[in-house]
Amino acid sequence: MPTYDYECQSCGHHFEARQSMKDPHLTDCPQENCAGPVKRKIGVGAGFIFKGSGFYITDYRSDSYKAAAKKDSDSSSSSSSSSPAPSTPAPAAAPAKAATTP
C-alpha cells in the first residue's frame, strides 16, 4: 500500500497517509482546530531500503552453487601454488651502433 505526502494549505502541517491507490484523496487537515484543505504532494516513492552490514548477490545463492564455487576456488588455488616460479627473463641485447658515413 503506497504512502502519500500531504500538506495543509491553511496551517502548513505536513503529514503522510497510507492509502490504497483507489482511495479518494484526503481533504481535511488532521491537526486539532484546523480542518483546512490539504493538498497531496508529489513524492519520489520509497524504493528498497537495505539495512545491515552489506548485501551481496552471493548472499542468496543455493547451497549447491556455494559448494561448486568453493570446489572451483580450491582447485584453482592449489594449481597456482604447484606451478613453478617464473624464470627471470634474459637481459636485452645492447643496441647496435648506427653506421656513419664520412
PDB file of N, CA and C in Angstrom:
ATOM      1  N   MET A   1       0.846  -1.162   0.000  1.00  0.00           N
ATOM      2  CA  MET A   1       0.000   0.000   0.000  1.00  0.00           C
ATOM      3  C   MET A   1       0.907   1.245   0.000  1.00  0.00           C
ATOM      4  N   PRO A   2       0.702   2.167  -0.917  1.00  0.00           N
ATOM      5  CA  PRO A   2       1.574   3.343  -1.004  1.00  0.00           C
ATOM      6  C   PRO A   2       1.343   4.346   0.116  1.00  0.00           C
ATOM      7  N   THR A   3       2.365   5.124   0.372  1.00  0.00           N
ATOM      8  CA  THR A   3       2.300   6.207   1.345  1.00  0.00           C
ATOM      9  C   THR A   3       2.315   7.522   0.579  1.00  0.00           C
ATOM     10  N   TYR A   4       1.367   8.391   0.885  1.00  0.00           N
ATOM     11  CA  TYR A   4       1.266   9.678   0.207  1.00  0.00           C
ATOM     12  C   TYR A   4       1.582  10.811   1.177  1.00  0.00           C
ATOM     13  N   ASP A   5       2.226  11.852   0.669  1.00  0.00           N
ATOM     14  CA  ASP A   5       2.536  13.042   1.458  1.00  0.00           C
ATOM     15  C   ASP A   5       1.453  14.081   1.218  1.00  0.00           C
ATOM     16  N   TYR A   6       1.032  14.722   2.303  1.00  0.00           N
ATOM     17  CA  TYR A   6       0.029  15.775   2.227  1.00  0.00           C
ATOM     18  C   TYR A   6       0.556  17.020   2.932  1.00  0.00           C
ATOM     19  N   GLU A   7       0.023  18.175   2.531  1.00  0.00           N
ATOM     20  CA  GLU A   7       0.361  19.443   3.181  1.00  0.00           C
ATOM     21  C   GLU A   7      -0.924  20.255   3.320  1.00  0.00           C
ATOM     22  N   CYS A   8      -1.127  20.798   4.519  1.00  0.00           N
ATOM     23  CA  CYS A   8      -2.300  21.625   4.763  1.00  0.00           C
ATOM     24  C   CYS A   8      -2.079  22.996   4.139  1.00  0.00           C
ATOM     25  N   GLN A   9      -3.078  23.495   3.448  1.00  0.00           N
ATOM     26  CA  GLN A   9      -2.990  24.800   2.803  1.00  0.00           C
ATOM     27  C   GLN A   9      -3.172  25.943   3.800  1.00  0.00           C
ATOM     28  N   SER A  10      -3.795  25.661   4.966  1.00  0.00           N
ATOM     29  CA  SER A  10      -4.034  26.706   5.965  1.00  0.00           C
ATOM     30  C   SER A  10      -2.885  26.845   6.958  1.00  0.00           C
ATOM     31  N   CYS A  11      -2.532  25.718   7.625  1.00  0.00           N
ATOM     32  CA  CYS A  11      -1.521  25.800   8.692  1.00  0.00           C
ATOM     33  C   CYS A  11      -0.142  25.320   8.254  1.00  0.00           C
ATOM     34  N   GLY A  12      -0.017  24.696   7.073  1.00  0.00           N
ATOM     35  CA  GLY A  12       1.280  24.239   6.584  1.00  0.00           C
ATOM     36  C   GLY A  12       1.736  22.912   7.169  1.00  0.00           C
ATOM     37  N   HIS A  13       0.863  22.213   7.883  1.00  0.00           N
ATOM     38  CA  HIS A  13       1.194  20.926   8.504  1.00  0.00           C
ATOM     39  C   HIS A  13       1.473  19.879   7.421  1.00  0.00           C
ATOM     40  N   HIS A  14       2.617  19.170   7.553  1.00  0.00           N
ATOM     41  CA  HIS A  14       2.991  18.091   6.630  1.00  0.00           C
ATOM     42  C   HIS A  14       2.695  16.760   7.312  1.00  0.00           C
ATOM     43  N   PHE A  15       2.106  15.827   6.579  1.00  0.00           N
ATOM     44  CA  PHE A  15       1.861  14.502   7.142  1.00  0.00           C
ATOM     45  C   PHE A  15       1.808  13.482   6.018  1.00  0.00           C
ATOM     46  N   GLU A  16       1.903  12.211   6.408  1.00  0.00           N
ATOM     47  CA  GLU A  16       1.847  11.095   5.477  1.00  0.00           C
ATOM     48  C   GLU A  16       0.603  10.270   5.761  1.00  0.00           C
ATOM     49  N   ALA A  17       0.077   9.647   4.725  1.00  0.00           N
ATOM     50  CA  ALA A  17      -1.073   8.762   4.892  1.00  0.00           C
ATOM     51  C   ALA A  17      -0.884   7.540   3.999  1.00  0.00           C
ATOM     52  N   ARG A  18      -1.097   6.359   4.584  1.00  0.00           N
ATOM     53  CA  ARG A  18      -1.043   5.115   3.801  1.00  0.00           C
ATOM     54  C   ARG A  18      -2.434   4.871   3.247  1.00  0.00           C
ATOM     55  N   GLN A  19      -2.515   4.866   1.928  1.00  0.00           N
ATOM     56  CA  GLN A  19      -3.810   4.699   1.285  1.00  0.00           C
ATOM     57  C   GLN A  19      -3.665   3.776   0.091  1.00  0.00           C
ATOM     58  N   SER A  20      -4.765   3.137  -0.249  1.00  0.00           N
ATOM     59  CA  SER A  20      -4.806   2.371  -1.481  1.00  0.00           C
ATOM     60  C   SER A  20      -4.827   3.354  -2.644  1.00  0.00           C
ATOM     61  N   MET A  21      -4.385   2.909  -3.797  1.00  0.00           N
ATOM     62  CA  MET A  21      -4.386   3.788  -4.962  1.00  0.00           C
ATOM     63  C   MET A  21      -5.820   4.135  -5.389  1.00  0.00           C
ATOM     64  N   LYS A  22      -6.768   3.323  -4.988  1.00  0.00           N
ATOM     65  CA  LYS A  22      -8.160   3.554  -5.346  1.00  0.00           C
ATOM     66  C   LYS A  22      -8.878   4.475  -4.375  1.00  0.00           C
ATOM     67  N   ASP A  23      -8.302   4.707  -3.192  1.00  0.00           N
ATOM     68  CA  ASP A  23      -8.935   5.569  -2.194  1.00  0.00           C
ATOM     69  C   ASP A  23      -8.959   7.015  -2.668  1.00  0.00           C
ATOM     70  N   PRO A  24     -10.001   7.766  -2.309  1.00  0.00           N
ATOM     71  CA  PRO A  24     -10.034   9.189  -2.673  1.00  0.00           C
ATOM     72  C   PRO A  24      -8.999   9.977  -1.868  1.00  0.00           C
ATOM     73  N   HIS A  25      -8.568  11.111  -2.392  1.00  0.00           N
ATOM     74  CA  HIS A  25      -7.609  11.969  -1.701  1.00  0.00           C
ATOM     75  C   HIS A  25      -8.212  12.480  -0.397  1.00  0.00           C
ATOM     76  N   LEU A  26      -7.345  12.723   0.597  1.00  0.00           N
ATOM     77  CA  LEU A  26      -7.813  13.333   1.841  1.00  0.00           C
ATOM     78  C   LEU A  26      -8.133  14.791   1.561  1.00  0.00           C
ATOM     79  N   THR A  27      -9.074  15.345   2.322  1.00  0.00           N
ATOM     80  CA  THR A  27      -9.479  16.725   2.073  1.00  0.00           C
ATOM     81  C   THR A  27      -9.294  17.632   3.277  1.00  0.00           C
ATOM     82  N   ASP A  28      -9.259  17.080   4.506  1.00  0.00           N
ATOM     83  CA  ASP A  28      -9.188  17.898   5.722  1.00  0.00           C
ATOM     84  C   ASP A  28      -7.907  17.629   6.490  1.00  0.00           C
ATOM     85  N   CYS A  29      -7.358  18.678   7.097  1.00  0.00           N
ATOM     86  CA  CYS A  29      -6.137  18.591   7.913  1.00  0.00           C
ATOM     87  C   CYS A  29      -6.439  17.837   9.208  1.00  0.00           C
ATOM     88  N   PRO A  30      -5.559  16.910   9.628  1.00  0.00           N
ATOM     89  CA  PRO A  30      -5.806  16.157  10.857  1.00  0.00           C
ATOM     90  C   PRO A  30      -5.430  16.925  12.137  1.00  0.00           C
ATOM     91  N   GLN A  31      -4.806  18.097  12.026  1.00  0.00           N
ATOM     92  CA  GLN A  31      -4.426  18.881  13.203  1.00  0.00           C
ATOM     93  C   GLN A  31      -5.685  19.365  13.929  1.00  0.00           C
ATOM     94  N   GLU A  32      -5.580  19.450  15.259  1.00  0.00           N
ATOM     95  CA  GLU A  32      -6.705  19.965  16.043  1.00  0.00           C
ATOM     96  C   GLU A  32      -6.923  21.438  15.716  1.00  0.00           C
ATOM     97  N   ASN A  33      -8.157  21.840  15.690  1.00  0.00           N
ATOM     98  CA  ASN A  33      -8.568  23.232  15.459  1.00  0.00           C
ATOM     99  C   ASN A  33      -8.126  23.773  14.106  1.00  0.00           C
ATOM    100  N   CYS A  34      -7.916  22.932  13.106  1.00  0.00           N
ATOM    101  CA  CYS A  34      -7.524  23.435  11.795  1.00  0.00           C
ATOM    102  C   CYS A  34      -8.580  23.077  10.758  1.00  0.00           C
ATOM    103  N   ALA A  35      -8.673  21.828  10.401  1.00  0.00           N
ATOM    104  CA  ALA A  35      -9.620  21.334   9.401  1.00  0.00           C
ATOM    105  C   ALA A  35      -9.538  22.086   8.076  1.00  0.00           C
ATOM    106  N   GLY A  36      -8.357  22.630   7.772  1.00  0.00           N
ATOM    107  CA  GLY A  36      -8.153  23.321   6.498  1.00  0.00           C
ATOM    108  C   GLY A  36      -8.006  22.333   5.355  1.00  0.00           C
ATOM    109  N   PRO A  37      -8.069  22.816   4.143  1.00  0.00           N
ATOM    110  CA  PRO A  37      -7.928  21.923   2.988  1.00  0.00           C
ATOM    111  C   PRO A  37      -6.485  21.438   2.849  1.00  0.00           C
ATOM    112  N   VAL A  38      -6.313  20.200   2.432  1.00  0.00           N
ATOM    113  CA  VAL A  38      -4.984  19.637   2.242  1.00  0.00           C
ATOM    114  C   VAL A  38      -4.744  19.346   0.769  1.00  0.00           C
ATOM    115  N   LYS A  39      -3.492  19.350   0.398  1.00  0.00           N
ATOM    116  CA  LYS A  39      -3.107  19.072  -0.985  1.00  0.00           C
ATOM    117  C   LYS A  39      -2.127  17.913  -0.960  1.00  0.00           C
ATOM    118  N   ARG A  40      -2.350  16.933  -1.831  1.00  0.00           N
ATOM    119  CA  ARG A  40      -1.431  15.797  -1.912  1.00  0.00           C
ATOM    120  C   ARG A  40      -0.217  16.225  -2.717  1.00  0.00           C
ATOM    121  N   LYS A  41       0.953  15.987  -2.150  1.00  0.00           N
ATOM    122  CA  LYS A  41       2.200  16.374  -2.795  1.00  0.00           C
ATOM    123  C   LYS A  41       2.722  15.218  -3.637  1.00  0.00           C
ATOM    124  N   ILE A  42       3.487  15.555  -4.626  1.00  0.00           N
ATOM    125  CA  ILE A  42       4.113  14.534  -5.461  1.00  0.00           C
ATOM    126  C   ILE A  42       5.349  14.033  -4.735  1.00  0.00           C
ATOM    127  N   GLY A  43       5.426  12.737  -4.503  1.00  0.00           N
ATOM    128  CA  GLY A  43       6.561  12.151  -3.796  1.00  0.00           C
ATOM    129  C   GLY A  43       7.429  11.355  -4.742  1.00  0.00           C
ATOM    130  N   VAL A  44       8.607  11.002  -4.265  1.00  0.00           N
ATOM    131  CA  VAL A  44       9.540  10.232  -5.078  1.00  0.00           C
ATOM    132  C   VAL A  44       9.401   8.743  -4.849  1.00  0.00           C
ATOM    133  N   GLY A  45       8.643   8.341  -3.857  1.00  0.00           N
ATOM    134  CA  GLY A  45       8.495   6.914  -3.584  1.00  0.00           C
ATOM    135  C   GLY A  45       9.567   6.436  -2.627  1.00  0.00           C
ATOM    136  N   ALA A  46       9.368   5.261  -2.109  1.00  0.00           N
ATOM    137  CA  ALA A  46      10.276   4.741  -1.096  1.00  0.00           C
ATOM    138  C   ALA A  46      11.398   3.906  -1.687  1.00  0.00           C
ATOM    139  N   GLY A  47      11.092   3.052  -2.642  1.00  0.00           N
ATOM    140  CA  GLY A  47      12.115   2.155  -3.165  1.00  0.00           C
ATOM    141  C   GLY A  47      12.464   1.095  -2.138  1.00  0.00           C
ATOM    142  N   PHE A  48      13.642   0.511  -2.278  1.00  0.00           N
ATOM    143  CA  PHE A  48      14.098  -0.518  -1.351  1.00  0.00           C
ATOM    144  C   PHE A  48      15.020   0.106  -0.326  1.00  0.00           C
ATOM    145  N   ILE A  49      14.909  -0.365   0.893  1.00  0.00           N
ATOM    146  CA  ILE A  49      15.800   0.086   1.948  1.00  0.00           C
ATOM    147  C   ILE A  49      16.497  -1.153   2.491  1.00  0.00           C
ATOM    148  N   PHE A  50      17.818  -1.220   2.303  1.00  0.00           N
ATOM    149  CA  PHE A  50      18.602  -2.333   2.818  1.00  0.00           C
ATOM    150  C   PHE A  50      19.294  -1.866   4.093  1.00  0.00           C
ATOM    151  N   LYS A  51      19.130  -2.611   5.156  1.00  0.00           N
ATOM    152  CA  LYS A  51      19.779  -2.274   6.415  1.00  0.00           C
ATOM    153  C   LYS A  51      20.712  -3.407   6.785  1.00  0.00           C
ATOM    154  N   GLY A  52      21.823  -3.081   7.386  1.00  0.00           N
ATOM    155  CA  GLY A  52      22.764  -4.103   7.808  1.00  0.00           C
ATOM    156  C   GLY A  52      24.160  -3.790   7.322  1.00  0.00           C
ATOM    157  N   SER A  53      25.052  -4.739   7.491  1.00  0.00           N
ATOM    158  CA  SER A  53      26.453  -4.509   7.158  1.00  0.00           C
ATOM    159  C   SER A  53      26.721  -4.584   5.663  1.00  0.00           C
ATOM    160  N   GLY A  54      25.843  -5.190   4.895  1.00  0.00           N
ATOM    161  CA  GLY A  54      26.053  -5.260   3.455  1.00  0.00           C
ATOM    162  C   GLY A  54      25.272  -6.395   2.840  1.00  0.00           C
ATOM    163  N   PHE A  55      24.961  -6.246   1.576  1.00  0.00           N
ATOM    164  CA  PHE A  55      24.226  -7.259   0.848  1.00  0.00           C
ATOM    165  C   PHE A  55      24.954  -7.519  -0.457  1.00  0.00           C
ATOM    166  N   TYR A  56      25.131  -8.771  -0.770  1.00  0.00           N
ATOM    167  CA  TYR A  56      25.841  -9.149  -1.981  1.00  0.00           C
ATOM    168  C   TYR A  56      24.992 -10.129  -2.756  1.00  0.00           C
ATOM    169  N   ILE A  57      25.213 -10.222  -4.046  1.00  0.00           N
ATOM    170  CA  ILE A  57      24.433 -11.122  -4.888  1.00  0.00           C
ATOM    171  C   ILE A  57      24.637 -12.576  -4.466  1.00  0.00           C
ATOM    172  N   THR A  58      25.784 -12.888  -3.893  1.00  0.00           N
ATOM    173  CA  THR A  58      26.063 -14.266  -3.496  1.00  0.00           C
ATOM    174  C   THR A  58      25.433 -14.627  -2.149  1.00  0.00           C
ATOM    175  N   ASP A  59      24.837 -13.686  -1.442  1.00  0.00           N
ATOM    176  CA  ASP A  59      24.219 -13.983  -0.153  1.00  0.00           C
ATOM    177  C   ASP A  59      23.063 -14.968  -0.275  1.00  0.00           C
ATOM    178  N   TYR A  60      22.378 -14.976  -1.382  1.00  0.00           N
ATOM    179  CA  TYR A  60      21.179 -15.783  -1.515  1.00  0.00           C
ATOM    180  C   TYR A  60      21.352 -16.931  -2.508  1.00  0.00           C
ATOM    181  N   ARG A  61      22.586 -17.326  -2.761  1.00  0.00           N
ATOM    182  CA  ARG A  61      22.844 -18.442  -3.672  1.00  0.00           C
ATOM    183  C   ARG A  61      22.466 -19.753  -3.001  1.00  0.00           C
ATOM    184  N   SER A  62      22.188 -20.772  -3.824  1.00  0.00           N
ATOM    185  CA  SER A  62      21.829 -22.085  -3.293  1.00  0.00           C
ATOM    186  C   SER A  62      23.067 -22.768  -2.720  1.00  0.00           C
ATOM    187  N   ASP A  63      22.846 -23.772  -1.873  1.00  0.00           N
ATOM    188  CA  ASP A  63      23.953 -24.498  -1.255  1.00  0.00           C
ATOM    189  C   ASP A  63      24.782 -25.240  -2.291  1.00  0.00           C
ATOM    190  N   SER A  64      24.131 -25.759  -3.339  1.00  0.00           N
ATOM    191  CA  SER A  64      24.887 -26.475  -4.367  1.00  0.00           C
ATOM    192  C   SER A  64      25.800 -25.513  -5.130  1.00  0.00           C
ATOM    193  N   TYR A  65      25.327 -24.298  -5.377  1.00  0.00           N
ATOM    194  CA  TYR A  65      26.164 -23.307  -6.062  1.00  0.00           C
ATOM    195  C   TYR A  65      27.378 -22.946  -5.196  1.00  0.00           C
ATOM    196  N   LYS A  66      27.144 -22.739  -3.898  1.00  0.00           N
ATOM    197  CA  LYS A  66      28.237 -22.386  -2.990  1.00  0.00           C
ATOM    198  C   LYS A  66      29.275 -23.507  -2.920  1.00  0.00           C
ATOM    199  N   ALA A  67      28.806 -24.776  -2.902  1.00  0.00           N
ATOM    200  CA  ALA A  67      29.731 -25.914  -2.845  1.00  0.00           C
ATOM    201  C   ALA A  67      30.567 -25.985  -4.120  1.00  0.00           C
ATOM    202  N   ALA A  68      29.939 -25.771  -5.272  1.00  0.00           N
ATOM    203  CA  ALA A  68      30.677 -25.818  -6.543  1.00  0.00           C
ATOM    204  C   ALA A  68      31.672 -24.662  -6.630  1.00  0.00           C
ATOM    205  N   ALA A  69      31.297 -23.497  -6.158  1.00  0.00           N
ATOM    206  CA  ALA A  69      32.202 -22.347  -6.186  1.00  0.00           C
ATOM    207  C   ALA A  69      33.392 -22.577  -5.260  1.00  0.00           C
ATOM    208  N   LYS A  70      33.157 -23.180  -4.097  1.00  0.00           N
ATOM    209  CA  LYS A  70      34.253 -23.466  -3.164  1.00  0.00           C
ATOM    210  C   LYS A  70      35.196 -24.495  -3.771  1.00  0.00           C
ATOM    211  N   LYS A  71      34.641 -25.514  -4.401  1.00  0.00           N
ATOM    212  CA  LYS A  71      35.463 -26.544  -5.039  1.00  0.00           C
ATOM    213  C   LYS A  71      36.308 -25.926  -6.149  1.00  0.00           C
ATOM    214  N   ASP A  72      35.693 -25.052  -6.946  1.00  0.00           N
ATOM    215  CA  ASP A  72      36.405 -24.398  -8.041  1.00  0.00           C
ATOM    216  C   ASP A  72      37.522 -23.504  -7.513  1.00  0.00           C
ATOM    217  N   SER A  73      37.259 -22.750  -6.460  1.00  0.00           N
ATOM    218  CA  SER A  73      38.296 -21.860  -5.917  1.00  0.00           C
ATOM    219  C   SER A  73      39.421 -22.660  -5.263  1.00  0.00           C
ATOM    220  N   ASP A  74      39.074 -23.793  -4.630  1.00  0.00           N
ATOM    221  CA  ASP A  74      40.115 -24.645  -4.032  1.00  0.00           C
ATOM    222  C   ASP A  74      41.016 -25.249  -5.102  1.00  0.00           C
ATOM    223  N   SER A  75      40.438 -25.688  -6.218  1.00  0.00           N
ATOM    224  CA  SER A  75      41.249 -26.304  -7.267  1.00  0.00           C
ATOM    225  C   SER A  75      42.120 -25.262  -7.964  1.00  0.00           C
ATOM    226  N   SER A  76      41.638 -24.047  -8.128  1.00  0.00           N
ATOM    227  CA  SER A  76      42.452 -23.023  -8.789  1.00  0.00           C
ATOM    228  C   SER A  76      43.577 -22.543  -7.871  1.00  0.00           C
ATOM    229  N   SER A  77      43.347 -22.505  -6.571  1.00  0.00           N
ATOM    230  CA  SER A  77      44.412 -22.064  -5.660  1.00  0.00           C
ATOM    231  C   SER A  77      45.485 -23.143  -5.519  1.00  0.00           C
ATOM    232  N   SER A  78      45.103 -24.432  -5.564  1.00  0.00           N
ATOM    233  CA  SER A  78      46.101 -25.498  -5.451  1.00  0.00           C
ATOM    234  C   SER A  78      46.923 -25.611  -6.730  1.00  0.00           C
ATOM    235  N   SER A  79      46.333 -25.372  -7.888  1.00  0.00           N
ATOM    236  CA  SER A  79      47.086 -25.465  -9.137  1.00  0.00           C
ATOM    237  C   SER A  79      48.048 -24.299  -9.272  1.00  0.00           C
ATOM    238  N   SER A  80      47.705 -23.141  -8.747  1.00  0.00           N
ATOM    239  CA  SER A  80      48.616 -21.995  -8.858  1.00  0.00           C
ATOM    240  C   SER A  80      49.781 -22.126  -7.891  1.00  0.00           C
ATOM    241  N   SER A  81      49.590 -22.825  -6.768  1.00  0.00           N
ATOM    242  CA  SER A  81      50.688 -22.973  -5.813  1.00  0.00           C
ATOM    243  C   SER A  81      51.661 -24.061  -6.252  1.00  0.00           C
ATOM    244  N   SER A  82      51.218 -25.034  -7.080  1.00  0.00           N
ATOM    245  CA  SER A  82      52.103 -26.106  -7.508  1.00  0.00           C
ATOM    246  C   SER A  82      52.890 -25.744  -8.768  1.00  0.00           C
ATOM    247  N   SER A  83      52.553 -24.659  -9.423  1.00  0.00           N
ATOM    248  CA  SER A  83      53.278 -24.297 -10.633  1.00  0.00           C
ATOM    249  C   SER A  83      54.629 -23.698 -10.252  1.00  0.00           C
ATOM    250  N   PRO A  84      55.667 -23.924 -11.082  1.00  0.00           N
ATOM    251  CA  PRO A  84      56.989 -23.413 -10.754  1.00  0.00           C
ATOM    252  C   PRO A  84      57.019 -21.887 -10.850  1.00  0.00           C
ATOM    253  N   ALA A  85      57.990 -21.320 -10.163  1.00  0.00           N
ATOM    254  CA  ALA A  85      58.138 -19.871 -10.177  1.00  0.00           C
ATOM    255  C   ALA A  85      58.572 -19.439 -11.575  1.00  0.00           C
ATOM    256  N   PRO A  86      58.122 -18.299 -12.031  1.00  0.00           N
ATOM    257  CA  PRO A  86      58.502 -17.858 -13.374  1.00  0.00           C
ATOM    258  C   PRO A  86      59.998 -17.570 -13.435  1.00  0.00           C
ATOM    259  N   SER A  87      60.593 -17.948 -14.580  1.00  0.00           N
ATOM    260  CA  SER A  87      62.033 -17.724 -14.725  1.00  0.00           C
ATOM    261  C   SER A  87      62.279 -16.255 -15.032  1.00  0.00           C
ATOM    262  N   THR A  88      63.489 -15.809 -14.696  1.00  0.00           N
ATOM    263  CA  THR A  88      63.822 -14.410 -14.959  1.00  0.00           C
ATOM    264  C   THR A  88      64.136 -14.259 -16.440  1.00  0.00           C
ATOM    265  N   PRO A  89      63.715 -13.194 -17.046  1.00  0.00           N
ATOM    266  CA  PRO A  89      63.968 -13.015 -18.474  1.00  0.00           C
ATOM    267  C   PRO A  89      65.442 -12.748 -18.743  1.00  0.00           C
ATOM    268  N   ALA A  90      65.863 -13.151 -19.934  1.00  0.00           N
ATOM    269  CA  ALA A  90      67.259 -12.916 -20.326  1.00  0.00           C
ATOM    270  C   ALA A  90      67.460 -11.420 -20.540  1.00  0.00           C
ATOM    271  N   PRO A  91      68.680 -10.923 -20.260  1.00  0.00           N
ATOM    272  CA  PRO A  91      68.923  -9.494 -20.457  1.00  0.00           C
ATOM    273  C   PRO A  91      68.812  -9.129 -21.934  1.00  0.00           C
ATOM    274  N   ALA A  92      68.362  -7.942 -22.187  1.00  0.00           N
ATOM    275  CA  ALA A  92      68.179  -7.493 -23.573  1.00  0.00           C
ATOM    276  C   ALA A  92      69.547  -7.233 -24.203  1.00  0.00           C
ATOM    277  N   ALA A  93      69.639  -7.492 -25.491  1.00  0.00           N
ATOM    278  CA  ALA A  93      70.885  -7.279 -26.211  1.00  0.00           C
ATOM    279  C   ALA A  93      71.135  -5.774 -26.348  1.00  0.00           C
ATOM    280  N   ALA A  94      72.423  -5.401 -26.348  1.00  0.00           N
ATOM    281  CA  ALA A  94      72.785  -3.989 -26.474  1.00  0.00           C
ATOM    282  C   ALA A  94      72.423  -3.513 -27.860  1.00  0.00           C
ATOM    283  N   PRO A  95      71.908  -2.303 -27.977  1.00  0.00           N
ATOM    284  CA  PRO A  95      71.522  -1.788 -29.298  1.00  0.00           C
ATOM    285  C   PRO A  95      72.761  -1.609 -30.182  1.00  0.00           C
ATOM    286  N   ALA A  96      72.606  -1.907 -31.459  1.00  0.00           N
ATOM    287  CA  ALA A  96      73.712  -1.750 -32.434  1.00  0.00           C
ATOM    288  C   ALA A  96      73.945  -0.285 -32.719  1.00  0.00           C
ATOM    289  N   LYS A  97      75.220   0.080 -32.920  1.00  0.00           N
ATOM    290  CA  LYS A  97      75.533   1.473 -33.229  1.00  0.00           C
ATOM    291  C   LYS A  97      75.212   1.745 -34.690  1.00  0.00           C
ATOM    292  N   ALA A  98      74.690   2.918 -34.924  1.00  0.00           N
ATOM    293  CA  ALA A  98      74.361   3.301 -36.287  1.00  0.00           C
ATOM    294  C   ALA A  98      75.632   3.632 -37.053  1.00  0.00           C
ATOM    295  N   ALA A  99      75.721   3.204 -38.294  1.00  0.00           N
ATOM    296  CA  ALA A  99      76.894   3.475 -39.120  1.00  0.00           C
ATOM    297  C   ALA A  99      76.822   4.899 -39.640  1.00  0.00           C
ATOM    298  N   THR A 100      77.932   5.605 -39.575  1.00  0.00           N
ATOM    299  CA  THR A 100      78.005   6.973 -40.082  1.00  0.00           C
ATOM    300  C   THR A 100      78.869   7.016 -41.323  1.00  0.00           C
ATOM    301  N   THR A 101      78.511   7.795 -42.269  1.00  0.00           N
ATOM    302  CA  THR A 101      79.298   7.940 -43.497  1.00  0.00           C
ATOM    303  C   THR A 101      80.048   9.253 -43.462  1.00  0.00           C
ATOM    304  N   PRO A 102      81.356   9.232 -43.909  1.00  0.00           N
ATOM    305  CA  PRO A 102      82.143  10.477 -43.866  1.00  0.00           C
ATOM    306  C   PRO A 102      81.785  11.456 -44.912  1.00  0.00           C
TER     307      PRO A 102
END
